[in-house]
């Protein structure tokens, strides 16, 4: 009688045929879900004041942001913490009504009452500048206002 030896079989190699499909699915997912920054900041990133009770804004597409702070290019825009940025330009409080009307024209008529104006102001900003912004927003009936803060202890001891 002859002996038949058993051949040891190793594990079969892992199939990489589906690897390109997985890579393209991930690429497509990140391309669809990534949002690009709409505005290029001409002011230094505002150091937001602290607040103990914060609430996150919903419906980011209905939020219009006004930045207040110190200009990056002080020679071009001047010094001080009271520079206002509307979209990609440094502006004045008198330009705010046109800025809000432009933002309203980009959304449907039914969504206009749900629009919010967010002010991201540096904690060193002039209160007079913020009051001027509020008055101009009141002139165009943009009464939903949000002041951006960072979460933290509001009262420092």
N, C-alpha and C. Protein backbone atom coordinates (compact mmCIF):
# COMPACT_ATOMS: atom_id res chain seq x y z
N UNK A 1 0.82 -1.16 0.00
CA UNK A 1 0.00 0.00 0.00
C UNK A 1 0.88 1.23 0.00
N UNK A 2 0.45 2.08 -0.81
CA UNK A 2 1.18 3.34 -0.89
C UNK A 2 0.54 4.36 0.04
N UNK A 3 1.37 5.15 0.57
CA UNK A 3 0.85 6.20 1.44
C UNK A 3 0.64 7.46 0.61
N UNK A 4 -0.54 8.01 0.87
CA UNK A 4 -0.83 9.29 0.24
C UNK A 4 -0.65 10.37 1.29
N UNK A 5 0.23 11.25 1.06
CA UNK A 5 0.46 12.33 2.03
C UNK A 5 -0.50 13.51 1.79
N UNK A 6 -0.87 14.08 2.87
CA UNK A 6 -1.75 15.23 2.74
C UNK A 6 -0.89 16.48 2.53
N UNK A 7 -1.27 17.21 1.52
CA UNK A 7 -0.57 18.46 1.27
C UNK A 7 -1.18 19.54 2.17
N UNK A 8 -0.30 20.27 2.79
CA UNK A 8 -0.79 21.36 3.63
C UNK A 8 -1.15 22.53 2.73
N UNK A 9 -2.41 22.94 2.89
CA UNK A 9 -2.88 24.07 2.09
C UNK A 9 -2.84 25.31 2.96
N UNK A 10 -2.28 26.38 2.45
CA UNK A 10 -2.25 27.65 3.16
C UNK A 10 -3.54 28.43 2.91
N UNK A 11 -3.64 29.51 3.56
CA UNK A 11 -4.81 30.35 3.35
C UNK A 11 -4.75 30.94 1.94
N UNK A 12 -5.91 31.08 1.31
CA UNK A 12 -5.91 31.68 -0.03
C UNK A 12 -5.58 33.17 0.09
N UNK A 13 -5.00 33.75 -0.92
CA UNK A 13 -4.65 35.17 -0.86
C UNK A 13 -5.92 36.04 -0.79
N UNK A 14 -5.80 37.17 -0.12
CA UNK A 14 -6.92 38.09 0.02
C UNK A 14 -7.18 38.77 -1.33
N UNK A 15 -8.43 38.77 -1.73
CA UNK A 15 -8.80 39.38 -3.01
C UNK A 15 -8.85 40.90 -2.84
N UNK A 16 -8.16 41.58 -3.71
CA UNK A 16 -8.16 43.04 -3.67
C UNK A 16 -8.98 43.62 -4.82
N UNK A 17 -9.84 42.83 -5.40
CA UNK A 17 -10.65 43.30 -6.52
C UNK A 17 -11.63 44.40 -6.10
N UNK A 18 -12.12 44.36 -4.88
CA UNK A 18 -13.10 45.37 -4.46
C UNK A 18 -12.44 46.60 -3.85
N UNK A 19 -11.14 46.62 -3.72
CA UNK A 19 -10.44 47.76 -3.12
C UNK A 19 -10.65 49.07 -3.88
N UNK A 20 -10.56 49.09 -5.20
CA UNK A 20 -10.83 50.36 -5.90
C UNK A 20 -12.26 50.86 -5.68
N UNK A 21 -13.22 49.98 -5.59
CA UNK A 21 -14.60 50.40 -5.33
C UNK A 21 -14.71 51.09 -3.98
N UNK A 22 -14.06 50.54 -2.98
CA UNK A 22 -14.12 51.12 -1.64
C UNK A 22 -13.44 52.48 -1.62
N UNK A 23 -12.30 52.60 -2.29
CA UNK A 23 -11.57 53.86 -2.33
C UNK A 23 -12.41 54.93 -3.01
N UNK A 24 -13.06 54.60 -4.13
CA UNK A 24 -13.87 55.60 -4.83
C UNK A 24 -15.13 55.95 -4.05
N UNK A 25 -15.69 55.02 -3.31
CA UNK A 25 -16.84 55.34 -2.47
C UNK A 25 -16.44 56.33 -1.38
N UNK A 26 -15.30 56.12 -0.73
CA UNK A 26 -14.84 57.05 0.29
C UNK A 26 -14.52 58.42 -0.30
N UNK A 27 -13.89 58.44 -1.46
CA UNK A 27 -13.57 59.69 -2.13
C UNK A 27 -14.84 60.46 -2.47
N UNK A 28 -15.83 59.77 -3.01
CA UNK A 28 -17.10 60.41 -3.35
C UNK A 28 -17.80 60.92 -2.10
N UNK A 29 -17.78 60.16 -1.01
CA UNK A 29 -18.41 60.58 0.23
C UNK A 29 -17.81 61.89 0.75
N UNK A 30 -16.48 61.97 0.78
CA UNK A 30 -15.84 63.17 1.30
C UNK A 30 -16.01 64.36 0.36
N UNK A 31 -16.10 64.11 -0.94
CA UNK A 31 -16.34 65.21 -1.87
C UNK A 31 -17.73 65.80 -1.68
N UNK A 32 -18.70 64.97 -1.38
CA UNK A 32 -20.07 65.44 -1.22
C UNK A 32 -20.28 66.12 0.12
N UNK A 33 -19.68 65.62 1.18
CA UNK A 33 -19.98 66.14 2.52
C UNK A 33 -19.08 67.29 2.96
N UNK A 34 -17.98 67.54 2.29
CA UNK A 34 -17.07 68.61 2.70
C UNK A 34 -17.60 69.95 2.21
N UNK A 35 -17.57 70.93 3.10
CA UNK A 35 -17.95 72.29 2.71
C UNK A 35 -16.71 73.16 2.72
N UNK A 36 -16.66 74.07 1.80
CA UNK A 36 -15.52 74.96 1.71
C UNK A 36 -15.88 76.28 2.39
N UNK A 37 -14.92 76.95 2.94
CA UNK A 37 -15.14 78.24 3.58
C UNK A 37 -15.53 79.25 2.50
N UNK A 38 -16.63 79.97 2.76
CA UNK A 38 -17.13 80.90 1.77
C UNK A 38 -16.41 82.24 1.79
N UNK A 39 -15.93 82.64 2.94
CA UNK A 39 -15.30 83.95 3.04
C UNK A 39 -13.85 83.80 3.47
N UNK A 40 -13.04 84.71 2.97
CA UNK A 40 -11.65 84.78 3.37
C UNK A 40 -11.54 85.90 4.40
N UNK A 41 -11.11 85.57 5.60
CA UNK A 41 -11.10 86.55 6.69
C UNK A 41 -10.04 87.62 6.44
N UNK A 42 -10.50 88.87 6.43
CA UNK A 42 -9.60 90.01 6.31
C UNK A 42 -9.27 90.59 7.68
N UNK A 43 -9.95 90.07 8.71
CA UNK A 43 -9.65 90.49 10.07
C UNK A 43 -9.03 89.29 10.79
N UNK A 44 -8.31 89.57 11.86
CA UNK A 44 -7.75 88.48 12.65
C UNK A 44 -8.88 87.64 13.20
N UNK A 45 -8.63 86.35 13.35
CA UNK A 45 -9.67 85.49 13.91
C UNK A 45 -10.10 86.05 15.25
N UNK A 46 -11.41 86.33 15.37
CA UNK A 46 -11.86 86.98 16.61
C UNK A 46 -11.65 86.08 17.83
N UNK A 47 -11.15 86.68 18.89
CA UNK A 47 -11.08 86.00 20.18
C UNK A 47 -12.44 86.21 20.82
N UNK A 48 -13.27 85.19 20.76
CA UNK A 48 -14.66 85.31 21.20
C UNK A 48 -14.75 85.38 22.71
N UNK A 49 -15.72 86.14 23.23
CA UNK A 49 -15.92 86.17 24.67
C UNK A 49 -16.45 84.84 25.16
N UNK A 50 -16.30 84.58 26.45
CA UNK A 50 -16.77 83.32 27.04
C UNK A 50 -18.20 83.48 27.54
N UNK A 51 -18.93 82.37 27.52
CA UNK A 51 -20.29 82.36 28.04
C UNK A 51 -20.56 80.99 28.63
N UNK A 52 -21.35 80.96 29.69
CA UNK A 52 -21.64 79.67 30.32
C UNK A 52 -22.83 78.97 29.67
N UNK A 53 -23.77 79.70 29.12
CA UNK A 53 -24.94 79.12 28.46
C UNK A 53 -24.84 79.38 26.97
N UNK A 54 -24.46 78.38 26.21
CA UNK A 54 -24.34 78.54 24.76
C UNK A 54 -25.29 77.58 24.06
N UNK A 55 -25.70 77.96 22.87
CA UNK A 55 -26.60 77.14 22.07
C UNK A 55 -26.08 77.15 20.65
N UNK A 56 -26.01 75.99 20.03
CA UNK A 56 -25.49 75.87 18.69
C UNK A 56 -26.55 76.30 17.69
N UNK A 57 -26.12 77.04 16.65
CA UNK A 57 -27.05 77.49 15.62
C UNK A 57 -27.36 76.34 14.68
N UNK A 58 -28.63 76.23 14.32
CA UNK A 58 -29.05 75.23 13.35
C UNK A 58 -29.29 75.93 12.02
N UNK A 59 -29.39 75.16 10.97
CA UNK A 59 -29.64 75.68 9.62
C UNK A 59 -28.59 76.72 9.24
N UNK A 60 -27.36 76.28 9.11
CA UNK A 60 -26.24 77.17 8.81
C UNK A 60 -26.44 77.92 7.49
N UNK A 61 -27.26 77.37 6.59
CA UNK A 61 -27.48 78.05 5.32
C UNK A 61 -28.30 79.32 5.49
N UNK A 62 -29.02 79.45 6.61
CA UNK A 62 -29.84 80.63 6.87
C UNK A 62 -29.14 81.62 7.79
N UNK A 63 -27.86 81.43 8.05
CA UNK A 63 -27.11 82.31 8.95
C UNK A 63 -26.20 83.22 8.12
N UNK A 64 -26.32 84.52 8.36
CA UNK A 64 -25.46 85.52 7.74
C UNK A 64 -24.50 86.01 8.82
N UNK A 65 -23.20 85.97 8.53
CA UNK A 65 -22.21 86.29 9.55
C UNK A 65 -21.55 87.63 9.28
N UNK A 66 -21.44 88.42 10.33
CA UNK A 66 -20.72 89.70 10.30
C UNK A 66 -19.56 89.56 11.28
N UNK A 67 -18.33 89.79 10.79
CA UNK A 67 -17.14 89.69 11.63
C UNK A 67 -16.72 91.09 12.07
N UNK A 68 -16.35 91.22 13.35
CA UNK A 68 -15.89 92.50 13.88
C UNK A 68 -14.58 92.22 14.62
N UNK A 69 -13.56 92.99 14.31
CA UNK A 69 -12.28 92.79 14.99
C UNK A 69 -11.20 93.67 14.39
N UNK A 70 -9.97 93.28 14.63
CA UNK A 70 -8.80 94.02 14.17
C UNK A 70 -8.43 93.53 12.76
N UNK A 71 -8.20 94.46 11.85
CA UNK A 71 -7.84 94.12 10.48
C UNK A 71 -6.46 93.48 10.43
N UNK A 72 -6.30 92.51 9.54
CA UNK A 72 -4.99 91.87 9.37
C UNK A 72 -3.99 92.84 8.75
N UNK A 73 -4.44 93.58 7.74
CA UNK A 73 -3.57 94.54 7.07
C UNK A 73 -3.86 95.92 7.65
N UNK A 74 -3.15 96.27 8.72
CA UNK A 74 -3.43 97.54 9.40
C UNK A 74 -3.09 98.74 8.54
N UNK A 75 -2.12 98.63 7.65
CA UNK A 75 -1.78 99.74 6.79
C UNK A 75 -2.88 100.05 5.78
N UNK A 76 -3.60 99.04 5.36
CA UNK A 76 -4.64 99.21 4.36
C UNK A 76 -5.98 99.60 4.97
N UNK A 77 -6.32 99.00 6.11
CA UNK A 77 -7.64 99.19 6.70
C UNK A 77 -7.62 99.98 8.01
N UNK A 78 -6.47 100.34 8.52
CA UNK A 78 -6.39 101.08 9.76
C UNK A 78 -6.23 100.16 10.96
N UNK A 79 -6.07 100.78 12.12
CA UNK A 79 -5.87 100.02 13.34
C UNK A 79 -7.14 100.05 14.18
N UNK A 80 -7.14 99.28 15.24
CA UNK A 80 -8.28 99.25 16.15
C UNK A 80 -9.09 97.97 15.96
N UNK A 81 -9.92 97.69 16.96
CA UNK A 81 -10.71 96.47 16.96
C UNK A 81 -12.13 96.71 16.43
N UNK A 82 -12.36 97.77 15.66
CA UNK A 82 -13.71 98.06 15.24
C UNK A 82 -13.90 97.95 13.72
N UNK A 83 -13.17 97.08 13.07
CA UNK A 83 -13.33 96.85 11.64
C UNK A 83 -14.43 95.82 11.42
N UNK A 84 -15.28 96.05 10.43
CA UNK A 84 -16.41 95.18 10.13
C UNK A 84 -16.14 94.50 8.80
N UNK A 85 -16.29 93.17 8.76
CA UNK A 85 -16.13 92.44 7.51
C UNK A 85 -17.47 91.89 7.08
N UNK A 86 -17.87 92.25 5.87
CA UNK A 86 -19.09 91.76 5.24
C UNK A 86 -18.67 90.98 4.01
N UNK A 87 -18.93 89.68 3.99
CA UNK A 87 -18.45 88.77 2.95
C UNK A 87 -16.93 88.86 2.88
N UNK A 88 -16.38 89.27 1.75
CA UNK A 88 -14.92 89.31 1.60
C UNK A 88 -14.37 90.73 1.64
N UNK A 89 -15.16 91.69 2.15
CA UNK A 89 -14.71 93.08 2.14
C UNK A 89 -14.84 93.69 3.53
N UNK A 90 -13.94 94.60 3.83
CA UNK A 90 -14.07 95.41 5.02
C UNK A 90 -15.09 96.50 4.70
N UNK A 91 -16.09 96.64 5.57
CA UNK A 91 -17.16 97.58 5.29
C UNK A 91 -17.42 98.52 6.45
N UNK A 92 -18.50 99.27 6.29
CA UNK A 92 -18.95 100.21 7.31
C UNK A 92 -20.36 99.81 7.73
N UNK A 93 -20.84 100.33 8.85
CA UNK A 93 -22.22 100.01 9.25
C UNK A 93 -23.26 100.43 8.21
N UNK A 94 -22.97 101.45 7.41
CA UNK A 94 -23.92 101.89 6.39
C UNK A 94 -24.10 100.86 5.27
N UNK A 95 -23.16 99.94 5.10
CA UNK A 95 -23.25 98.92 4.06
C UNK A 95 -24.00 97.68 4.53
N UNK A 96 -24.36 97.61 5.80
CA UNK A 96 -25.02 96.42 6.34
C UNK A 96 -26.40 96.19 5.74
N UNK A 97 -27.27 97.22 5.56
CA UNK A 97 -28.58 96.94 4.96
C UNK A 97 -28.49 96.30 3.57
N UNK A 98 -27.58 96.76 2.73
CA UNK A 98 -27.40 96.16 1.41
C UNK A 98 -26.89 94.73 1.53
N UNK A 99 -26.02 94.48 2.50
CA UNK A 99 -25.49 93.14 2.74
C UNK A 99 -26.61 92.17 3.14
N UNK A 100 -27.52 92.62 4.02
CA UNK A 100 -28.62 91.77 4.46
C UNK A 100 -29.61 91.54 3.32
N UNK A 101 -29.92 92.57 2.55
CA UNK A 101 -30.84 92.42 1.42
C UNK A 101 -30.27 91.47 0.38
N UNK A 102 -28.97 91.51 0.16
CA UNK A 102 -28.32 90.59 -0.77
C UNK A 102 -28.45 89.15 -0.27
N UNK A 103 -28.26 88.95 1.04
CA UNK A 103 -28.39 87.60 1.60
C UNK A 103 -29.83 87.11 1.51
N UNK A 104 -30.79 88.01 1.71
CA UNK A 104 -32.20 87.62 1.62
C UNK A 104 -32.59 87.26 0.20
N UNK A 105 -31.98 87.87 -0.78
CA UNK A 105 -32.33 87.59 -2.17
C UNK A 105 -31.87 86.19 -2.60
N UNK A 106 -30.96 85.60 -1.86
CA UNK A 106 -30.43 84.28 -2.22
C UNK A 106 -31.24 83.12 -1.65
N UNK A 107 -32.21 83.40 -0.77
CA UNK A 107 -33.04 82.34 -0.20
C UNK A 107 -34.48 82.55 -0.62
N UNK A 108 -35.29 81.52 -0.47
CA UNK A 108 -36.69 81.63 -0.87
C UNK A 108 -37.45 82.53 0.10
N UNK A 109 -38.57 83.03 -0.37
CA UNK A 109 -39.37 83.99 0.41
C UNK A 109 -39.88 83.38 1.71
N UNK A 110 -40.12 82.06 1.72
CA UNK A 110 -40.64 81.41 2.93
C UNK A 110 -39.57 81.25 4.00
N UNK A 111 -38.29 81.26 3.62
CA UNK A 111 -37.21 81.07 4.58
C UNK A 111 -36.69 82.38 5.16
N UNK A 112 -37.08 83.51 4.62
CA UNK A 112 -36.58 84.81 5.09
C UNK A 112 -36.88 85.05 6.56
N UNK A 113 -38.07 84.71 7.10
CA UNK A 113 -38.30 84.94 8.53
C UNK A 113 -37.41 84.09 9.45
N UNK A 114 -36.83 83.03 8.92
CA UNK A 114 -35.98 82.15 9.73
C UNK A 114 -34.50 82.51 9.65
N UNK A 115 -34.17 83.54 8.88
CA UNK A 115 -32.77 83.94 8.74
C UNK A 115 -32.26 84.56 10.04
N UNK A 116 -31.02 84.25 10.37
CA UNK A 116 -30.37 84.76 11.59
C UNK A 116 -29.10 85.50 11.19
N UNK A 117 -28.84 86.60 11.84
CA UNK A 117 -27.59 87.32 11.64
C UNK A 117 -26.69 87.02 12.83
N UNK A 118 -25.51 86.48 12.56
CA UNK A 118 -24.56 86.14 13.60
C UNK A 118 -23.43 87.15 13.59
N UNK A 119 -23.13 87.69 14.76
CA UNK A 119 -22.02 88.64 14.89
C UNK A 119 -20.89 87.93 15.63
N UNK A 120 -19.76 87.80 14.96
CA UNK A 120 -18.57 87.23 15.58
C UNK A 120 -17.62 88.38 15.86
N UNK A 121 -17.68 88.86 17.07
CA UNK A 121 -16.91 90.05 17.45
C UNK A 121 -15.81 89.66 18.42
N UNK A 122 -14.66 90.27 18.23
CA UNK A 122 -13.54 90.09 19.15
C UNK A 122 -13.93 90.67 20.51
N UNK A 123 -13.44 90.07 21.57
CA UNK A 123 -13.82 90.55 22.90
C UNK A 123 -13.27 91.93 23.21
N UNK A 124 -12.33 92.42 22.41
CA UNK A 124 -11.80 93.77 22.58
C UNK A 124 -12.53 94.78 21.68
N UNK A 125 -13.57 94.34 20.97
CA UNK A 125 -14.28 95.22 20.05
C UNK A 125 -14.98 96.35 20.78
N UNK A 126 -15.15 97.44 20.07
CA UNK A 126 -15.79 98.62 20.59
C UNK A 126 -17.31 98.37 20.68
N UNK A 127 -17.92 98.68 21.82
CA UNK A 127 -19.35 98.48 22.01
C UNK A 127 -20.14 99.42 21.10
N UNK A 128 -19.61 100.58 20.81
CA UNK A 128 -20.28 101.52 19.90
C UNK A 128 -20.43 100.93 18.51
N UNK A 129 -19.43 100.20 18.04
CA UNK A 129 -19.51 99.56 16.73
C UNK A 129 -20.61 98.51 16.73
N UNK A 130 -20.70 97.72 17.80
CA UNK A 130 -21.75 96.70 17.89
C UNK A 130 -23.13 97.35 17.95
N UNK A 131 -23.25 98.49 18.63
CA UNK A 131 -24.53 99.20 18.69
C UNK A 131 -24.91 99.74 17.31
N UNK A 132 -23.93 100.24 16.56
CA UNK A 132 -24.21 100.72 15.20
C UNK A 132 -24.69 99.59 14.31
N UNK A 133 -24.08 98.41 14.45
CA UNK A 133 -24.50 97.25 13.66
C UNK A 133 -25.93 96.88 14.01
N UNK A 134 -26.25 96.86 15.30
CA UNK A 134 -27.61 96.51 15.72
C UNK A 134 -28.63 97.50 15.19
N UNK A 135 -28.32 98.79 15.18
CA UNK A 135 -29.24 99.79 14.65
C UNK A 135 -29.49 99.59 13.16
N UNK A 136 -28.44 99.30 12.41
CA UNK A 136 -28.59 99.08 10.96
C UNK A 136 -29.37 97.79 10.68
N UNK A 137 -29.18 96.77 11.51
CA UNK A 137 -29.97 95.55 11.36
C UNK A 137 -31.44 95.80 11.67
N UNK A 138 -31.68 96.64 12.65
CA UNK A 138 -33.07 96.99 12.99
C UNK A 138 -33.73 97.75 11.84
N UNK A 139 -32.99 98.57 11.12
CA UNK A 139 -33.54 99.34 10.00
C UNK A 139 -34.07 98.44 8.89
N UNK A 140 -33.43 97.28 8.68
CA UNK A 140 -33.88 96.36 7.63
C UNK A 140 -34.70 95.20 8.19
N UNK A 141 -35.13 95.33 9.44
CA UNK A 141 -35.98 94.34 10.10
C UNK A 141 -35.31 92.96 10.19
N UNK A 142 -34.01 92.95 10.42
CA UNK A 142 -33.27 91.70 10.67
C UNK A 142 -33.13 91.58 12.18
N UNK A 143 -34.19 91.07 12.82
CA UNK A 143 -34.26 91.11 14.28
C UNK A 143 -33.75 89.84 14.96
N UNK A 144 -33.56 88.75 14.21
CA UNK A 144 -32.98 87.54 14.80
C UNK A 144 -31.47 87.70 14.81
N UNK A 145 -30.93 87.88 15.99
CA UNK A 145 -29.51 88.18 16.13
C UNK A 145 -28.85 87.17 17.05
N UNK A 146 -27.66 86.74 16.69
CA UNK A 146 -26.90 85.81 17.50
C UNK A 146 -25.50 86.38 17.71
N UNK A 147 -25.07 86.41 18.95
CA UNK A 147 -23.72 86.84 19.25
C UNK A 147 -22.88 85.60 19.53
N UNK A 148 -21.87 85.37 18.73
CA UNK A 148 -21.06 84.16 18.86
C UNK A 148 -20.13 84.26 20.06
N UNK A 149 -20.07 83.17 20.80
CA UNK A 149 -19.20 83.08 21.97
C UNK A 149 -18.52 81.73 21.98
N UNK A 150 -17.60 81.57 22.92
CA UNK A 150 -17.01 80.25 23.14
C UNK A 150 -17.48 79.77 24.51
N UNK A 151 -17.60 78.47 24.65
CA UNK A 151 -18.08 77.93 25.90
C UNK A 151 -16.97 78.04 26.95
N UNK A 152 -17.36 78.54 28.09
CA UNK A 152 -16.41 78.71 29.18
C UNK A 152 -17.07 79.43 30.31
N UNK A 153 -16.30 79.77 31.30
CA UNK A 153 -16.82 80.48 32.46
C UNK A 153 -16.94 81.95 32.10
N UNK A 154 -18.16 82.49 32.16
CA UNK A 154 -18.41 83.87 31.77
C UNK A 154 -17.80 84.86 32.76
N UNK A 155 -17.82 84.50 34.04
CA UNK A 155 -17.30 85.40 35.06
C UNK A 155 -15.98 84.84 35.54
N UNK A 156 -14.90 85.60 35.32
CA UNK A 156 -13.59 85.15 35.76
C UNK A 156 -13.27 85.79 37.09
N UNK A 157 -12.82 84.97 38.01
CA UNK A 157 -12.53 85.46 39.36
C UNK A 157 -11.08 85.83 39.49
